[in-house]
Amino acid sequence: MSYKGPRLVDSGNHVREARYEAIAGEDGWLVVDRLSGLPAASNGRDFIKLRKTDARDISDELNNCEREGKPSPLL
């Protein structure tokens, strides 16, 4: 089985692909919106050139909001 990115388990115990993913870039870590293939952004700022822990925390928060159907506090 090949790795296909982060997965989420929703409230109905269904496994699905996570929308946001923290990945290593040339100048640090970034959060990518897997639907668009572009860096995720908030208030006109792309989530790029981040520390690894920050990128993971942001992607986790965005994915949790997506899974729960809540608006993100980051946007």
Protein backbone atom coordinates (compact mmCIF):
# COMPACT_ATOMS: atom_id res chain seq x y z
CA MET A 1 0.00 0.00 0.00
CA SER A 2 1.39 3.44 -0.89
CA TYR A 3 1.25 6.47 1.37
CA LYS A 4 -1.48 8.86 0.26
CA GLY A 5 -1.12 11.64 2.82
CA PRO A 6 -2.78 12.25 6.17
CA ARG A 7 -6.10 10.64 6.93
CA LEU A 8 -8.93 11.68 9.22
CA VAL A 9 -11.60 9.60 10.92
CA ASP A 10 -14.91 11.43 11.07
CA SER A 11 -17.68 11.04 13.64
CA GLY A 12 -19.20 8.18 11.61
CA ASN A 13 -15.90 6.27 11.78
CA HIS A 14 -15.30 6.83 8.06
CA VAL A 15 -11.69 7.26 6.98
CA ARG A 16 -11.06 10.02 4.47
CA GLU A 17 -8.12 12.01 3.22
CA ALA A 18 -7.19 15.13 5.19
CA ARG A 19 -7.58 18.37 3.24
CA TYR A 20 -4.58 20.17 4.74
CA GLU A 21 -1.08 18.76 5.03
CA ALA A 22 2.15 20.04 6.58
CA ILE A 23 5.06 19.38 4.25
CA ALA A 24 8.74 20.29 4.20
CA GLY A 25 9.67 22.99 1.69
CA GLU A 26 12.94 24.53 0.58
CA ASP A 27 12.75 27.38 3.13
CA GLY A 28 10.97 25.63 6.00
CA TRP A 29 7.61 23.95 6.36
CA LEU A 30 4.32 24.88 4.70
CA VAL A 31 0.66 23.94 4.93
CA VAL A 32 -0.82 22.81 1.63
CA ASP A 33 -4.51 22.72 0.74
CA ARG A 34 -4.67 19.36 -1.02
CA LEU A 35 -7.82 20.36 -2.95
CA SER A 36 -6.13 23.26 -4.70
CA GLY A 37 -2.49 22.14 -4.43
CA LEU A 38 -1.60 25.63 -3.18
CA PRO A 39 -0.38 26.82 0.21
CA ALA A 40 -3.21 27.39 2.67
CA ALA A 41 -3.64 31.06 3.61
CA SER A 42 -5.25 33.32 6.18
CA ASN A 43 -5.78 37.08 5.89
CA GLY A 44 -3.67 37.21 2.75
CA ARG A 45 -0.71 35.40 4.34
CA ASP A 46 0.35 32.05 2.92
CA PHE A 47 1.29 29.44 5.50
CA ILE A 48 4.87 29.05 4.25
CA LYS A 49 8.35 29.27 5.78
CA LEU A 50 7.07 27.87 9.07
CA ARG A 51 8.64 25.78 11.79
CA LYS A 52 7.67 22.12 11.62
CA THR A 53 5.61 22.25 14.82
CA ASP A 54 3.74 25.36 13.69
CA ALA A 55 2.90 23.83 10.30
CA ARG A 56 1.62 20.66 11.95
CA ASP A 57 -0.44 22.60 14.51
CA ILE A 58 -2.03 24.75 11.79
CA SER A 59 -2.82 21.79 9.53
CA ASP A 60 -4.31 19.89 12.49
CA GLU A 61 -6.53 22.84 13.41
CA LEU A 62 -7.69 23.34 9.82
CA ASN A 63 -8.42 19.62 9.42
CA ASN A 64 -10.32 19.46 12.72
CA CYS A 65 -12.52 22.38 11.68
CA GLU A 66 -13.08 20.80 8.25
CA ARG A 67 -14.02 17.46 9.82
CA GLU A 68 -16.40 19.08 12.33
CA GLY A 69 -17.95 21.43 9.76
CA LYS A 70 -16.94 24.51 11.77
CA PRO A 71 -15.38 27.67 10.40
CA SER A 72 -11.68 27.88 11.16
CA PRO A 73 -10.53 30.45 13.71
CA LEU A 74 -7.44 30.87 11.52
CA LEU A 75 -9.31 32.23 8.51
